[in-house]
Protein backbone atom coordinates (compact mmCIF):
# COMPACT_ATOMS: atom_id res chain seq x y z
CA MET A 1 128.51 104.14 -31.03
CA SER A 2 129.99 107.51 -30.58
CA ASN A 3 132.97 108.09 -28.42
CA ASP A 4 131.28 111.25 -27.24
CA GLN A 5 129.15 109.44 -24.62
CA PRO A 6 130.29 110.18 -21.15
CA SER A 7 132.20 107.46 -19.45
CA ARG A 8 130.58 105.73 -16.44
CA ARG A 9 131.80 106.73 -13.03
CA PRO A 10 131.76 104.51 -10.04
CA PRO A 11 128.95 105.34 -7.64
CA ALA A 12 129.92 107.92 -5.10
CA LYS A 13 130.48 106.70 -1.56
CA SER A 14 128.05 107.97 0.99
CA ALA A 15 129.22 110.23 3.73
CA GLY A 16 128.76 107.35 6.19
CA GLY A 17 131.21 105.14 4.42
CA GLY A 18 132.87 104.36 7.82
CA ALA A 19 129.54 103.46 9.36
CA PRO A 20 130.28 99.78 10.12
CA MET A 21 133.26 100.55 12.34
CA GLY A 22 131.49 103.46 14.08
CA SER A 23 128.42 101.38 14.83
CA THR A 24 130.50 98.67 16.47
CA ILE A 25 132.25 101.14 18.77
CA SER A 26 128.94 102.71 19.73
CA ILE A 27 127.49 99.33 20.61
CA VAL A 28 130.51 98.44 22.73
CA ILE A 29 130.32 101.75 24.59
CA ALA A 30 126.60 101.27 25.20
CA VAL A 31 127.13 97.77 26.54
CA VAL A 32 129.94 98.92 28.83
CA ALA A 33 127.73 101.76 30.12
CA VAL A 34 124.90 99.33 30.84
CA VAL A 35 127.20 96.93 32.66
CA VAL A 36 128.79 99.72 34.73
CA GLY A 37 125.36 101.12 35.58
CA PHE A 38 124.15 97.70 36.61
CA LEU A 39 127.15 97.18 38.87
CA ILE A 40 126.67 100.60 40.46
CA LEU A 41 122.97 99.93 41.13
CA ARG A 42 123.75 96.50 42.58
CA ASN A 43 126.34 97.96 44.95
CA ILE A 44 123.87 100.61 46.11
CA ASN A 45 121.18 97.96 46.72
CA ASP A 46 123.62 95.68 48.53
CA ASP A 47 124.73 98.50 50.86
CA GLY A 48 121.14 99.43 51.66
CA SER A 49 120.09 95.88 52.45
CA SER A 50 123.19 95.29 54.57
CA ALA A 51 122.57 98.41 56.63
CA GLY A 52 118.89 97.65 57.04
CA GLY A 53 119.39 94.04 58.05
CA ALA A 54 122.19 94.59 60.57
CA LEU A 55 121.41 93.55 64.14
CA PRO A 56 121.92 96.22 66.84
CA SER A 57 124.86 95.71 69.14
CA GLY A 58 124.51 95.40 72.92
CA PRO A 59 122.53 93.09 75.21
CA VAL A 60 119.27 91.63 74.02
CA ILE A 61 116.38 92.36 76.37
CA THR A 62 113.65 89.75 76.39
CA THR A 63 110.23 90.89 77.53
CA PRO A 64 107.63 88.51 78.97
CA SER A 65 105.68 88.69 75.70
CA ASP A 66 108.77 87.45 73.81
CA VAL A 67 109.02 84.25 75.85
CA THR A 68 107.46 81.23 74.25
CA THR A 69 105.40 79.15 76.66
CA ILE A 70 105.35 75.43 75.94
CA PRO A 71 102.35 73.58 77.40
CA GLY A 72 103.33 70.96 79.94
CA ILE A 73 106.81 72.42 80.49
CA THR A 74 107.54 74.07 83.85
CA ASP A 75 109.84 77.08 83.85
CA THR A 76 112.33 76.35 86.61
CA THR A 77 113.89 79.80 86.32
CA ALA A 78 110.88 81.52 87.85
CA THR A 79 111.53 83.20 91.18
CA THR A 80 109.43 81.85 94.04
CA ALA A 81 108.68 84.20 96.92
CA VAL A 82 109.89 82.81 100.24
CA PRO A 83 107.32 83.30 103.02
CA VAL A 84 108.59 85.28 105.97
CA VAL A 85 107.89 83.73 109.34
CA SER A 86 107.91 86.28 112.13
CA THR A 87 108.58 85.40 115.75
CA PRO A 88 106.54 87.28 118.34
CA ALA A 89 108.72 89.67 120.29
CA THR A 90 108.94 89.27 124.06
CA THR A 91 108.34 92.51 125.92
CA PRO A 92 110.91 93.08 128.68
CA LEU A 93 109.36 93.14 132.14
CA VAL A 94 109.24 96.44 134.04
CA PHE A 95 109.55 96.23 137.85
CA THR A 96 109.70 99.88 138.91
CA PRO A 97 108.58 102.43 139.94
CA GLY A 98 105.92 101.91 142.60
CA LYS A 99 104.46 99.02 144.55
CA VAL A 100 102.06 96.23 143.64
CA VAL A 101 99.15 95.07 145.82
CA VAL A 102 97.26 91.81 145.36
CA ALA A 103 93.59 91.67 146.33
CA ASN A 104 91.90 88.30 146.85
CA ALA A 105 88.89 88.30 144.50
CA SER A 106 88.58 84.52 144.30
CA GLY A 107 86.98 83.55 147.58
CA VAL A 108 89.91 81.17 148.21
CA GLY A 109 91.56 81.99 151.54
CA GLY A 110 95.28 82.85 151.48
CA ALA A 111 95.43 83.24 147.67
CA ALA A 112 96.49 86.91 147.80
CA LYS A 113 99.31 86.21 150.30
CA SER A 114 100.79 83.45 148.16
CA ALA A 115 100.50 85.56 145.00
CA THR A 116 102.27 88.40 146.82
CA LYS A 117 105.16 86.04 147.68
CA ALA A 118 105.35 84.84 144.08
CA LEU A 119 105.51 88.37 142.67
CA THR A 120 108.15 89.30 145.28
CA THR A 121 110.23 86.34 144.12
CA ALA A 122 109.82 87.51 140.53
CA GLY A 123 111.25 90.94 141.41
CA TRP A 124 108.39 93.36 142.09
CA THR A 125 108.11 95.54 145.18
CA MET A 126 104.93 94.44 146.94
CA GLY A 127 102.51 96.04 149.36
CA ASP A 128 100.40 94.16 151.89
CA PRO A 129 97.79 91.79 150.40
CA THR A 130 94.14 92.71 150.84
CA ASP A 131 90.63 91.52 150.02
CA ALA A 132 88.36 92.57 147.19
CA PHE A 133 85.15 94.38 148.09
CA GLY A 134 81.65 94.85 146.76
CA ALA A 135 80.74 93.50 143.32
CA ALA A 136 84.40 92.56 142.73
CA LYS A 137 84.63 90.38 145.84
CA LYS A 138 84.56 87.30 143.64
CA ILE A 139 85.41 87.47 139.95
CA ASP A 140 86.07 84.78 137.39
CA LYS A 141 88.96 86.43 135.56
CA THR A 142 92.03 88.11 137.04
CA ILE A 143 92.63 91.72 136.04
CA VAL A 144 95.40 94.22 136.84
CA TYR A 145 94.57 97.89 137.54
CA TYR A 146 96.99 100.82 137.55
CA GLU A 147 97.16 104.37 138.80
CA PRO A 148 98.72 107.07 136.55
CA GLY A 149 102.43 106.31 136.21
CA GLY A 150 101.99 102.58 136.83
CA GLU A 151 101.00 101.59 133.29
CA GLN A 152 104.22 99.77 132.38
CA VAL A 153 104.52 97.93 135.70
CA ALA A 154 100.88 96.84 135.45
CA ALA A 155 101.40 95.56 131.91
CA SER A 156 104.40 93.53 133.07
CA VAL A 157 102.50 92.05 136.04
CA ALA A 158 99.64 91.13 133.71
CA GLN A 159 102.19 89.45 131.43
CA ALA A 160 103.57 87.49 134.39
CA PHE A 161 100.08 86.09 135.09
CA SER A 162 99.28 85.34 131.43
CA THR A 163 99.50 82.02 129.60
CA PRO A 164 99.31 81.26 125.87
CA THR A 165 95.65 80.35 126.28
CA ALA A 166 94.64 82.90 128.93
CA VAL A 167 95.84 86.48 128.69
CA VAL A 168 95.48 88.79 131.69
CA VAL A 169 94.84 92.41 130.77
CA SER A 170 95.58 95.70 132.51
CA ALA A 171 93.25 98.68 132.81
CA PRO A 172 93.02 102.08 134.55
CA MET A 173 92.10 102.02 138.23
CA PRO A 174 88.33 102.28 138.78
CA ALA A 175 86.79 104.61 141.34
CA PRO A 176 86.20 103.73 144.06
CA ILE A 177 89.04 101.19 144.30
CA PRO A 178 87.31 97.77 144.66
CA VAL A 179 89.11 96.63 147.87
CA VAL A 180 88.45 96.81 151.58
CA ASN A 181 88.69 100.45 152.77
CA ALA A 182 88.95 101.48 149.06
CA THR A 183 92.69 102.15 149.30
CA ILE A 184 95.98 100.49 148.34
CA GLY A 185 98.20 103.05 150.10
CA ASP A 186 101.16 104.27 148.04
CA ALA A 187 100.96 101.40 145.55
CA THR A 188 100.30 102.16 141.89
CA VAL A 189 99.25 98.67 140.72
CA LEU A 190 96.43 96.45 141.98
CA VAL A 191 96.04 92.79 141.07
CA MET A 192 92.47 91.55 141.41
CA LEU A 193 93.16 87.80 141.74
CA GLY A 194 90.16 85.90 140.35
CA THR A 195 89.12 82.27 140.52
CA ASP A 196 90.92 81.52 137.25
CA LEU A 197 94.38 81.88 138.86
CA ALA A 198 93.78 81.18 142.54
CA GLY A 199 95.54 77.93 143.50
CA LYS A 200 97.81 77.97 140.43
CA ALA A 201 101.52 78.65 140.08
CA LEU A 202 102.55 82.01 138.74
CA PRO A 203 103.15 81.29 135.02
CA LEU A 204 106.26 83.46 135.04
CA LEU A 205 107.90 81.16 137.60
CA ALA A 206 106.34 77.78 136.89
CA PRO A 207 104.60 75.87 134.07
CA PRO A 208 101.14 77.24 133.36
CA GLU A 209 97.93 75.56 134.45
CA THR A 210 99.64 73.73 137.34
CA THR A 211 97.33 73.24 140.33
CA LEU A 212 99.12 72.71 143.64
CA PRO A 213 97.62 71.26 146.84
CA ALA A 214 97.17 73.80 149.66
CA THR A 215 99.45 71.82 152.01
CA THR A 216 102.43 71.74 149.62
CA LEU A 217 102.48 75.23 148.12
CA PRO A 218 105.96 76.67 147.38
CA THR A 219 106.60 80.32 148.14
CA ALA A 220 106.54 81.17 144.40
CA ALA A 221 102.98 79.91 143.81
CA VAL A 222 99.56 81.49 144.09
CA GLY A 223 98.39 79.78 147.27
CA THR A 224 95.20 78.31 148.55
CA SER A 225 95.59 78.64 152.31
CA THR A 226 92.35 78.70 154.22
CA THR A 227 92.82 81.88 156.30
CA GLY A 228 93.51 85.55 155.57
CA PRO A 229 93.77 87.37 152.22
């Protein structure tokens, strides 16, 4: 063999001769980047879920629809309305101005005189008793009439004659006035004493529905004497 043949050279190293070390570093960097990115994303997600799940501060208001009703269980916290019991007011009696006249419209002699005494005892200023006349000479139910200005006194006199079961009413004076001579002088109130109250005590001064014998009538009762008005 000739010595002129070229000697063999070792194969040339490629330009990437340091490739194994460079690849390892690249992989490490990539892994670190992935881990850091994962941690960043997890922190972002955790913050969002924490903010979204936080309960608002302040008092909790429960509406009726939020209350759970359990069958068979009575809610003792419910408010029960307390019924209001009203007491009827008593109207103060009015005694002035003017006079009051009692007319006997019961047919019972002396009833108007005794009623006049009873009303005097109660505090009213009384005129002379008289008798009813015409269609009102005998009536079943007592009524009190008034002239203009005597409305309040008449209402009080009617109250004095009233009982819980029998209320006497007042009304304007009719024309002509239903008494003998059709006049009551300067009086402004006329009591037409009917059969319902003749012979009974004035309720204002004595228990109602009390019938008294004619021979034992007190001065504060509606009498039943046999003569006069």
